[in-house]
Structure formats: C-alpha cells, structure tokens
N, C-alpha and C. Protein backbone atom coordinates (compact mmCIF):
# COMPACT_ATOMS: atom_id res chain seq x y z
N MET A 1 7.66 -7.25 12.59
CA MET A 1 8.41 -6.18 11.98
C MET A 1 8.34 -4.90 12.80
N ALA A 2 7.17 -4.63 13.38
CA ALA A 2 7.05 -3.40 14.17
C ALA A 2 7.95 -3.45 15.39
N GLU A 3 8.42 -4.67 15.74
CA GLU A 3 9.32 -4.79 16.88
C GLU A 3 10.61 -4.03 16.62
N GLU A 4 10.93 -3.80 15.32
CA GLU A 4 12.15 -3.08 14.98
C GLU A 4 12.09 -1.63 15.45
N LEU A 5 10.88 -1.12 15.59
CA LEU A 5 10.71 0.24 16.08
C LEU A 5 10.31 0.16 17.55
N ALA A 6 10.91 0.99 18.35
CA ALA A 6 10.56 1.01 19.78
C ALA A 6 9.15 1.57 19.92
N LYS A 7 8.28 0.83 20.57
CA LYS A 7 6.90 1.26 20.74
C LYS A 7 6.86 2.42 21.74
N LYS A 8 6.63 3.62 21.22
CA LYS A 8 6.55 4.77 22.10
C LYS A 8 5.42 5.70 21.72
N GLY A 9 4.84 5.49 20.57
CA GLY A 9 3.75 6.34 20.12
C GLY A 9 2.74 5.52 19.34
N ARG A 10 2.04 6.19 18.46
CA ARG A 10 1.04 5.52 17.63
C ARG A 10 1.73 4.65 16.59
N THR A 11 1.07 3.57 16.22
CA THR A 11 1.54 2.76 15.11
C THR A 11 0.64 3.06 13.92
N ILE A 12 1.27 3.58 12.86
CA ILE A 12 0.54 3.98 11.67
C ILE A 12 0.96 3.09 10.52
N LEU A 13 0.00 2.41 9.90
CA LEU A 13 0.28 1.59 8.74
C LEU A 13 -0.12 2.39 7.51
N VAL A 14 0.85 2.62 6.62
CA VAL A 14 0.59 3.36 5.38
C VAL A 14 0.62 2.36 4.24
N ALA A 15 -0.51 2.21 3.56
CA ALA A 15 -0.61 1.29 2.43
C ALA A 15 0.03 1.95 1.21
N MET A 16 1.06 1.33 0.67
CA MET A 16 1.81 1.91 -0.44
C MET A 16 1.87 0.95 -1.62
N ASP A 17 1.51 1.45 -2.81
CA ASP A 17 1.69 0.63 -4.01
C ASP A 17 2.57 1.33 -5.04
N GLY A 18 3.13 2.47 -4.68
CA GLY A 18 4.01 3.19 -5.58
C GLY A 18 3.28 4.13 -6.53
N SER A 19 1.95 4.12 -6.51
CA SER A 19 1.18 4.99 -7.41
C SER A 19 1.20 6.43 -6.91
N LYS A 20 0.82 7.35 -7.79
CA LYS A 20 0.76 8.76 -7.39
C LYS A 20 -0.27 8.95 -6.28
N HIS A 21 -1.28 8.10 -6.23
CA HIS A 21 -2.32 8.20 -5.20
C HIS A 21 -1.77 7.83 -3.83
N ALA A 22 -0.97 6.77 -3.79
CA ALA A 22 -0.36 6.34 -2.53
C ALA A 22 0.69 7.35 -2.07
N ILE A 23 1.47 7.84 -3.00
CA ILE A 23 2.49 8.84 -2.66
C ILE A 23 1.84 10.10 -2.11
N HIS A 24 0.77 10.53 -2.75
CA HIS A 24 0.04 11.71 -2.27
C HIS A 24 -0.50 11.47 -0.85
N ALA A 25 -1.05 10.28 -0.61
CA ALA A 25 -1.59 9.97 0.72
C ALA A 25 -0.49 10.02 1.77
N PHE A 26 0.69 9.44 1.45
CA PHE A 26 1.79 9.48 2.41
C PHE A 26 2.25 10.91 2.66
N GLU A 27 2.38 11.70 1.59
CA GLU A 27 2.82 13.09 1.76
C GLU A 27 1.81 13.88 2.59
N TRP A 28 0.53 13.63 2.38
CA TRP A 28 -0.50 14.30 3.18
C TRP A 28 -0.33 13.92 4.66
N TYR A 29 -0.14 12.62 4.90
CA TYR A 29 0.09 12.15 6.27
C TYR A 29 1.32 12.84 6.86
N ALA A 30 2.43 12.86 6.11
CA ALA A 30 3.69 13.44 6.60
C ALA A 30 3.53 14.92 6.94
N GLN A 31 2.74 15.63 6.17
CA GLN A 31 2.59 17.07 6.36
C GLN A 31 1.50 17.46 7.36
N ASN A 32 0.53 16.55 7.60
CA ASN A 32 -0.64 16.94 8.39
C ASN A 32 -0.90 16.12 9.66
N VAL A 33 -0.41 14.90 9.70
CA VAL A 33 -0.78 14.01 10.81
C VAL A 33 0.44 13.47 11.56
N TYR A 34 1.55 13.32 10.87
CA TYR A 34 2.75 12.68 11.42
C TYR A 34 3.22 13.37 12.71
N MET A 35 3.57 12.52 13.67
CA MET A 35 4.21 12.98 14.90
C MET A 35 5.52 12.20 15.04
N GLU A 36 6.54 12.84 15.59
CA GLU A 36 7.85 12.20 15.69
C GLU A 36 7.84 10.89 16.47
N THR A 37 6.86 10.71 17.32
CA THR A 37 6.78 9.48 18.10
C THR A 37 6.05 8.35 17.37
N ASP A 38 5.56 8.63 16.16
CA ASP A 38 4.84 7.60 15.41
C ASP A 38 5.77 6.46 14.99
N ASN A 39 5.26 5.26 15.05
CA ASN A 39 5.91 4.08 14.50
C ASN A 39 5.26 3.86 13.14
N VAL A 40 5.99 4.11 12.08
CA VAL A 40 5.42 4.09 10.74
C VAL A 40 5.80 2.80 10.02
N ILE A 41 4.78 2.09 9.56
CA ILE A 41 4.97 0.87 8.79
C ILE A 41 4.48 1.16 7.38
N MET A 42 5.39 1.10 6.44
CA MET A 42 5.06 1.31 5.03
C MET A 42 4.81 -0.07 4.44
N ALA A 43 3.56 -0.39 4.16
CA ALA A 43 3.19 -1.73 3.73
C ALA A 43 2.92 -1.76 2.23
N HIS A 44 3.53 -2.71 1.57
CA HIS A 44 3.34 -2.88 0.12
C HIS A 44 2.95 -4.32 -0.17
N CYS A 45 1.82 -4.48 -0.83
CA CYS A 45 1.36 -5.82 -1.19
C CYS A 45 1.97 -6.17 -2.54
N ALA A 46 2.87 -7.12 -2.53
CA ALA A 46 3.59 -7.52 -3.73
C ALA A 46 3.31 -8.97 -4.02
N GLU A 47 2.10 -9.26 -4.41
CA GLU A 47 1.72 -10.65 -4.66
C GLU A 47 2.37 -11.16 -5.93
N PRO A 48 3.24 -12.15 -5.81
CA PRO A 48 3.92 -12.67 -7.00
C PRO A 48 2.92 -13.23 -8.01
N GLY A 49 3.20 -12.95 -9.27
CA GLY A 49 2.37 -13.52 -10.33
C GLY A 49 1.12 -12.75 -10.65
N ILE A 50 0.83 -11.68 -9.89
CA ILE A 50 -0.41 -10.96 -10.13
C ILE A 50 -0.42 -10.31 -11.51
N ASN A 51 0.76 -9.98 -12.05
CA ASN A 51 0.85 -9.36 -13.36
C ASN A 51 1.21 -10.35 -14.48
N VAL A 52 1.24 -11.62 -14.15
CA VAL A 52 1.55 -12.63 -15.16
C VAL A 52 0.25 -12.99 -15.87
N PRO A 53 0.19 -12.77 -17.20
CA PRO A 53 -1.03 -13.08 -17.93
C PRO A 53 -1.37 -14.56 -17.85
N PRO A 54 -2.66 -14.89 -17.73
CA PRO A 54 -3.07 -16.31 -17.66
C PRO A 54 -2.59 -17.11 -18.87
N THR A 55 -2.48 -16.46 -20.03
CA THR A 55 -2.02 -17.19 -21.23
C THR A 55 -0.60 -17.70 -21.04
N ALA A 56 0.23 -16.94 -20.34
CA ALA A 56 1.61 -17.38 -20.09
C ALA A 56 1.61 -18.60 -19.18
N LEU A 57 0.71 -18.58 -18.20
CA LEU A 57 0.63 -19.72 -17.28
C LEU A 57 0.10 -20.95 -18.00
N MET A 58 -0.92 -20.73 -18.86
CA MET A 58 -1.51 -21.86 -19.58
C MET A 58 -0.54 -22.44 -20.60
N ALA A 59 0.29 -21.58 -21.20
CA ALA A 59 1.25 -22.06 -22.19
C ALA A 59 2.30 -22.94 -21.53
N GLY A 60 2.50 -22.73 -20.23
CA GLY A 60 3.44 -23.57 -19.50
C GLY A 60 4.89 -23.35 -19.88
N ASN A 61 5.20 -22.17 -20.38
CA ASN A 61 6.57 -21.87 -20.77
C ASN A 61 7.33 -21.39 -19.54
N PRO A 62 8.13 -22.27 -18.91
CA PRO A 62 8.81 -21.91 -17.68
C PRO A 62 9.78 -20.73 -17.83
N THR A 63 10.43 -20.63 -18.98
CA THR A 63 11.36 -19.52 -19.20
C THR A 63 10.62 -18.19 -19.21
N MET A 64 9.48 -18.15 -19.88
CA MET A 64 8.68 -16.93 -19.95
C MET A 64 8.15 -16.56 -18.57
N ILE A 65 7.67 -17.55 -17.85
CA ILE A 65 7.13 -17.30 -16.51
C ILE A 65 8.23 -16.81 -15.58
N GLN A 66 9.41 -17.43 -15.61
CA GLN A 66 10.53 -16.99 -14.77
C GLN A 66 10.94 -15.56 -15.10
N ALA A 67 10.97 -15.22 -16.38
CA ALA A 67 11.33 -13.86 -16.80
C ALA A 67 10.30 -12.86 -16.29
N MET A 68 9.03 -13.21 -16.37
CA MET A 68 7.97 -12.32 -15.91
C MET A 68 8.01 -12.16 -14.38
N MET A 69 8.31 -13.26 -13.68
CA MET A 69 8.41 -13.18 -12.22
C MET A 69 9.62 -12.33 -11.81
N LYS A 70 10.73 -12.45 -12.53
CA LYS A 70 11.90 -11.62 -12.25
C LYS A 70 11.57 -10.15 -12.49
N ASP A 71 10.87 -9.88 -13.58
CA ASP A 71 10.47 -8.50 -13.89
C ASP A 71 9.57 -7.96 -12.77
N HIS A 72 8.65 -8.79 -12.30
CA HIS A 72 7.77 -8.38 -11.20
C HIS A 72 8.58 -8.06 -9.95
N GLU A 73 9.53 -8.92 -9.63
CA GLU A 73 10.37 -8.72 -8.44
C GLU A 73 11.20 -7.43 -8.57
N ASP A 74 11.69 -7.15 -9.78
CA ASP A 74 12.42 -5.90 -10.02
C ASP A 74 11.52 -4.69 -9.78
N GLN A 75 10.27 -4.80 -10.23
CA GLN A 75 9.31 -3.71 -10.02
C GLN A 75 9.03 -3.50 -8.53
N VAL A 76 8.92 -4.59 -7.79
CA VAL A 76 8.69 -4.51 -6.35
C VAL A 76 9.85 -3.79 -5.67
N MET A 77 11.07 -4.14 -6.06
CA MET A 77 12.26 -3.51 -5.47
C MET A 77 12.28 -2.01 -5.79
N GLU A 78 11.84 -1.63 -6.97
CA GLU A 78 11.77 -0.21 -7.33
C GLU A 78 10.74 0.51 -6.47
N VAL A 79 9.61 -0.13 -6.21
CA VAL A 79 8.59 0.47 -5.34
C VAL A 79 9.17 0.66 -3.94
N PHE A 80 9.90 -0.33 -3.43
CA PHE A 80 10.52 -0.20 -2.10
C PHE A 80 11.52 0.95 -2.07
N LYS A 81 12.31 1.11 -3.13
CA LYS A 81 13.26 2.22 -3.18
C LYS A 81 12.52 3.56 -3.18
N THR A 82 11.42 3.63 -3.93
CA THR A 82 10.60 4.85 -3.98
C THR A 82 10.04 5.17 -2.61
N ILE A 83 9.53 4.15 -1.93
CA ILE A 83 8.96 4.34 -0.59
C ILE A 83 10.04 4.84 0.37
N ASP A 84 11.22 4.22 0.34
CA ASP A 84 12.32 4.65 1.21
C ASP A 84 12.71 6.09 0.94
N ARG A 85 12.87 6.46 -0.33
CA ARG A 85 13.24 7.84 -0.68
C ARG A 85 12.19 8.82 -0.17
N LEU A 86 10.93 8.47 -0.33
CA LEU A 86 9.84 9.33 0.09
C LEU A 86 9.85 9.55 1.60
N ALA A 87 9.99 8.47 2.35
CA ALA A 87 10.01 8.60 3.82
C ALA A 87 11.25 9.36 4.27
N ASN A 88 12.38 9.13 3.62
CA ASN A 88 13.60 9.83 3.97
C ASN A 88 13.51 11.31 3.65
N LYS A 89 12.78 11.65 2.60
CA LYS A 89 12.57 13.07 2.23
C LYS A 89 11.94 13.83 3.39
N TYR A 90 11.04 13.16 4.12
CA TYR A 90 10.36 13.78 5.26
C TYR A 90 11.03 13.43 6.59
N ASN A 91 12.17 12.73 6.50
CA ASN A 91 12.92 12.33 7.70
C ASN A 91 12.04 11.52 8.66
N ILE A 92 11.30 10.59 8.09
CA ILE A 92 10.40 9.75 8.88
C ILE A 92 11.02 8.36 9.02
N LYS A 93 11.30 7.99 10.27
CA LYS A 93 11.78 6.63 10.54
C LYS A 93 10.64 5.67 10.24
N HIS A 94 10.96 4.59 9.57
CA HIS A 94 9.91 3.67 9.14
C HIS A 94 10.49 2.28 8.92
N ILE A 95 9.59 1.35 8.77
CA ILE A 95 9.99 0.02 8.32
C ILE A 95 9.15 -0.29 7.09
N LEU A 96 9.70 -1.12 6.23
CA LEU A 96 8.97 -1.60 5.05
C LEU A 96 8.44 -2.99 5.37
N GLU A 97 7.21 -3.21 5.02
CA GLU A 97 6.66 -4.55 5.21
C GLU A 97 6.07 -5.02 3.90
N ARG A 98 6.55 -6.16 3.44
CA ARG A 98 6.04 -6.74 2.20
C ARG A 98 4.87 -7.66 2.56
N LEU A 99 3.74 -7.37 1.98
CA LEU A 99 2.54 -8.15 2.25
C LEU A 99 2.28 -9.11 1.09
N HIS A 100 1.58 -10.19 1.37
CA HIS A 100 1.26 -11.18 0.35
C HIS A 100 -0.23 -11.47 0.40
N GLY A 101 -0.80 -11.75 -0.75
CA GLY A 101 -2.22 -12.04 -0.84
C GLY A 101 -2.98 -10.86 -1.40
N PRO A 102 -4.30 -10.96 -1.45
CA PRO A 102 -5.11 -9.84 -1.96
C PRO A 102 -4.83 -8.58 -1.13
N PRO A 103 -4.62 -7.44 -1.78
CA PRO A 103 -4.20 -6.23 -1.08
C PRO A 103 -5.08 -5.81 0.10
N GLY A 104 -6.38 -5.72 -0.09
CA GLY A 104 -7.25 -5.27 1.00
C GLY A 104 -7.14 -6.16 2.22
N GLU A 105 -7.25 -7.47 2.00
CA GLU A 105 -7.16 -8.43 3.10
C GLU A 105 -5.79 -8.38 3.77
N SER A 106 -4.73 -8.27 2.95
CA SER A 106 -3.37 -8.24 3.48
C SER A 106 -3.13 -7.02 4.36
N ILE A 107 -3.66 -5.88 3.94
CA ILE A 107 -3.50 -4.65 4.71
C ILE A 107 -4.22 -4.76 6.04
N ILE A 108 -5.42 -5.28 6.03
CA ILE A 108 -6.19 -5.46 7.28
C ILE A 108 -5.46 -6.42 8.22
N MET A 109 -4.98 -7.54 7.68
CA MET A 109 -4.27 -8.52 8.52
C MET A 109 -2.99 -7.92 9.09
N ALA A 110 -2.25 -7.14 8.28
CA ALA A 110 -1.02 -6.52 8.77
C ALA A 110 -1.32 -5.50 9.86
N ALA A 111 -2.38 -4.73 9.68
CA ALA A 111 -2.76 -3.73 10.69
C ALA A 111 -3.11 -4.41 12.01
N GLU A 112 -3.82 -5.53 11.94
CA GLU A 112 -4.17 -6.27 13.15
C GLU A 112 -2.93 -6.87 13.80
N LYS A 113 -2.06 -7.48 12.98
CA LYS A 113 -0.84 -8.11 13.50
C LYS A 113 0.08 -7.10 14.18
N GLN A 114 0.16 -5.90 13.61
CA GLN A 114 1.06 -4.88 14.13
C GLN A 114 0.39 -3.96 15.15
N ASN A 115 -0.86 -4.26 15.50
CA ASN A 115 -1.62 -3.42 16.44
C ASN A 115 -1.62 -1.96 16.01
N ALA A 116 -1.89 -1.74 14.72
CA ALA A 116 -1.91 -0.39 14.18
C ALA A 116 -3.01 0.44 14.84
N ASP A 117 -2.72 1.71 15.04
CA ASP A 117 -3.70 2.63 15.58
C ASP A 117 -4.47 3.32 14.46
N MET A 118 -3.91 3.32 13.24
CA MET A 118 -4.56 3.96 12.10
C MET A 118 -3.97 3.41 10.82
N ILE A 119 -4.80 3.39 9.78
CA ILE A 119 -4.35 3.02 8.44
C ILE A 119 -4.52 4.23 7.54
N ILE A 120 -3.48 4.52 6.76
CA ILE A 120 -3.53 5.61 5.77
C ILE A 120 -3.46 4.96 4.40
N SER A 121 -4.34 5.38 3.50
CA SER A 121 -4.35 4.83 2.15
C SER A 121 -4.77 5.90 1.15
N GLY A 122 -4.29 5.74 -0.06
CA GLY A 122 -4.75 6.60 -1.14
C GLY A 122 -5.99 6.00 -1.77
N SER A 123 -6.54 6.72 -2.72
CA SER A 123 -7.71 6.24 -3.45
C SER A 123 -7.53 6.59 -4.91
N ARG A 124 -7.81 5.64 -5.77
CA ARG A 124 -7.65 5.87 -7.21
C ARG A 124 -8.84 6.64 -7.79
N GLY A 125 -9.90 6.81 -7.02
CA GLY A 125 -11.03 7.59 -7.49
C GLY A 125 -11.89 6.89 -8.52
N TYR A 126 -11.94 5.56 -8.45
CA TYR A 126 -12.80 4.83 -9.39
C TYR A 126 -14.25 5.25 -9.21
N GLY A 127 -14.98 5.27 -10.30
CA GLY A 127 -16.41 5.52 -10.24
C GLY A 127 -17.13 4.29 -9.72
N THR A 128 -18.43 4.41 -9.52
CA THR A 128 -19.22 3.32 -8.94
C THR A 128 -19.15 2.04 -9.77
N ILE A 129 -19.30 2.16 -11.07
CA ILE A 129 -19.32 0.96 -11.92
C ILE A 129 -17.95 0.29 -11.93
N ARG A 130 -16.90 1.06 -12.15
CA ARG A 130 -15.56 0.49 -12.19
C ARG A 130 -15.18 -0.12 -10.84
N ARG A 131 -15.56 0.55 -9.75
CA ARG A 131 -15.26 0.04 -8.41
C ARG A 131 -16.01 -1.27 -8.17
N THR A 132 -17.24 -1.36 -8.66
CA THR A 132 -18.03 -2.58 -8.50
C THR A 132 -17.41 -3.74 -9.27
N ILE A 133 -16.93 -3.48 -10.48
CA ILE A 133 -16.36 -4.54 -11.31
C ILE A 133 -14.96 -4.93 -10.83
N LEU A 134 -14.10 -3.93 -10.61
CA LEU A 134 -12.70 -4.20 -10.28
C LEU A 134 -12.45 -4.36 -8.78
N GLY A 135 -13.34 -3.85 -7.99
CA GLY A 135 -13.12 -3.84 -6.55
C GLY A 135 -12.28 -2.64 -6.17
N SER A 136 -12.29 -2.30 -4.91
CA SER A 136 -11.55 -1.15 -4.43
C SER A 136 -10.86 -1.52 -3.14
N VAL A 137 -9.54 -1.37 -3.13
CA VAL A 137 -8.78 -1.69 -1.93
C VAL A 137 -9.17 -0.75 -0.80
N SER A 138 -9.26 0.55 -1.10
CA SER A 138 -9.60 1.51 -0.04
C SER A 138 -11.00 1.24 0.51
N ASP A 139 -11.94 0.88 -0.35
CA ASP A 139 -13.29 0.55 0.09
C ASP A 139 -13.27 -0.67 1.01
N TYR A 140 -12.48 -1.68 0.64
CA TYR A 140 -12.35 -2.88 1.46
C TYR A 140 -11.78 -2.53 2.84
N ILE A 141 -10.73 -1.71 2.84
CA ILE A 141 -10.09 -1.33 4.10
C ILE A 141 -11.08 -0.62 5.01
N VAL A 142 -11.81 0.34 4.46
CA VAL A 142 -12.77 1.11 5.25
C VAL A 142 -13.82 0.19 5.88
N HIS A 143 -14.29 -0.79 5.12
CA HIS A 143 -15.37 -1.64 5.62
C HIS A 143 -14.92 -2.81 6.48
N HIS A 144 -13.63 -3.11 6.52
CA HIS A 144 -13.17 -4.26 7.29
C HIS A 144 -12.20 -3.92 8.43
N SER A 145 -11.78 -2.68 8.52
CA SER A 145 -10.81 -2.30 9.55
C SER A 145 -11.47 -2.09 10.90
N ASN A 146 -10.75 -2.48 11.95
CA ASN A 146 -11.21 -2.24 13.32
C ASN A 146 -10.57 -0.99 13.91
N VAL A 147 -9.73 -0.31 13.11
CA VAL A 147 -9.08 0.92 13.56
C VAL A 147 -9.44 2.04 12.59
N PRO A 148 -9.26 3.29 12.99
CA PRO A 148 -9.56 4.39 12.08
C PRO A 148 -8.77 4.29 10.78
N VAL A 149 -9.43 4.68 9.70
CA VAL A 149 -8.82 4.65 8.37
C VAL A 149 -8.92 6.04 7.77
N CYS A 150 -7.83 6.51 7.20
CA CYS A 150 -7.82 7.80 6.52
C CYS A 150 -7.57 7.53 5.04
N ILE A 151 -8.57 7.80 4.21
CA ILE A 151 -8.43 7.66 2.76
C ILE A 151 -8.19 9.05 2.20
N VAL A 152 -7.06 9.21 1.53
CA VAL A 152 -6.67 10.51 1.00
C VAL A 152 -6.83 10.49 -0.52
N LYS A 153 -7.72 11.32 -1.02
CA LYS A 153 -7.92 11.40 -2.47
C LYS A 153 -6.87 12.32 -3.07
N HIS A 154 -6.38 11.92 -4.23
CA HIS A 154 -5.40 12.74 -4.97
C HIS A 154 -6.13 13.93 -5.56
N GLU A 155 -5.44 15.06 -5.63
CA GLU A 155 -6.08 16.28 -6.13
C GLU A 155 -6.60 16.11 -7.56
N ASP A 156 -6.03 15.24 -8.35
CA ASP A 156 -6.53 14.99 -9.70
C ASP A 156 -7.93 14.38 -9.69
N GLU A 157 -8.30 13.80 -8.56
CA GLU A 157 -9.59 13.10 -8.47
C GLU A 157 -10.69 13.96 -7.86
N HIS A 158 -10.35 15.14 -7.32
CA HIS A 158 -11.35 15.96 -6.66
C HIS A 158 -12.45 16.42 -7.61
N HIS A 159 -12.13 16.61 -8.87
CA HIS A 159 -13.15 17.09 -9.82
C HIS A 159 -14.28 16.07 -9.97
N LYS A 160 -13.99 14.80 -9.70
CA LYS A 160 -15.01 13.77 -9.82
C LYS A 160 -16.06 13.87 -8.72
N LEU A 161 -15.72 14.58 -7.63
CA LEU A 161 -16.66 14.70 -6.52
C LEU A 161 -17.66 15.83 -6.73
N LYS A 162 -17.37 16.72 -7.67
CA LYS A 162 -18.24 17.90 -7.88
C LYS A 162 -19.42 17.57 -8.74
C-alpha cells in the first residue's frame, strides 16, 4: 500500500480506530510533527466479528450473524470516512490501510511491512488494573515496535497523571 505514495520522506503509520483518542493523536501529529514529505499511512484494525456477541455465534442464527457483520462493516466504512475527512482537513496526503487480527500485533506487522519510521497512536488512559485485564494496544505497540512510537494522551486523560 505504501507503494501508492512516492517514497521521498519518512513513513509514518498512524493507528486509527475512530475514537476521540486516536483523532487527538492524529491532530497532534498534524500540528506538531508532520512534514510535507511524510508518507502517511492511516491504519485501522477492522477485525470482522470482534463486536459479535458469543451468544449470537452459539445460537447459530445465520441471519442475525449476517446482520451484525453488515453493521460492523458499515461502522468500519464510517471510520474510514472520518479518517479521510480528518486528513483532508489538514491537507495531508495519505493512504488508508485496513488491518486484520489483534490490533497491537496488526499495527506492528503493518509498520514492519511498510518500513515505517515512526508509529503514532492515541491512548485511552486505562488505569493499571483495567489495562491488565483488558490489555492495551498502545502498551503492546511500545513494547513490541522496532521503530520509535509516539503515544499521545488525550487532554481528558491528563488529570489521571496528577
């Protein structure tokens, strides 16, 4: 996918999930780090079925599962539209890359495949207990990336650091 952009500068992979945290991270990047020569890859992990409740799968109702998968796909398309509008707002040439699989692993694999020079990600600001139970994509990225990672905390989360 990065082949679509002429390699002339840094390759920056921005992890996007459509949340206010990811949007804030991208806007921070656009205002503070972005250079016109950057090759920007907006990566969204859209694992099909991740929002389908296990009870629906166990019930084996194909109509219900198909409807839920269609709803998921519609949500993914809305996230892509949001990402495009956001990048266009800052006049940033970019490509969208749809990732599959667990988000942290998918982002690391995409960064390696695209020879990214940096990964930008937001952070939901989970506390230690919640992060331990649910896992943290940004924590995974920081600990598994071979390139610099910039985790941008949303201003709503700064009070948790005090």
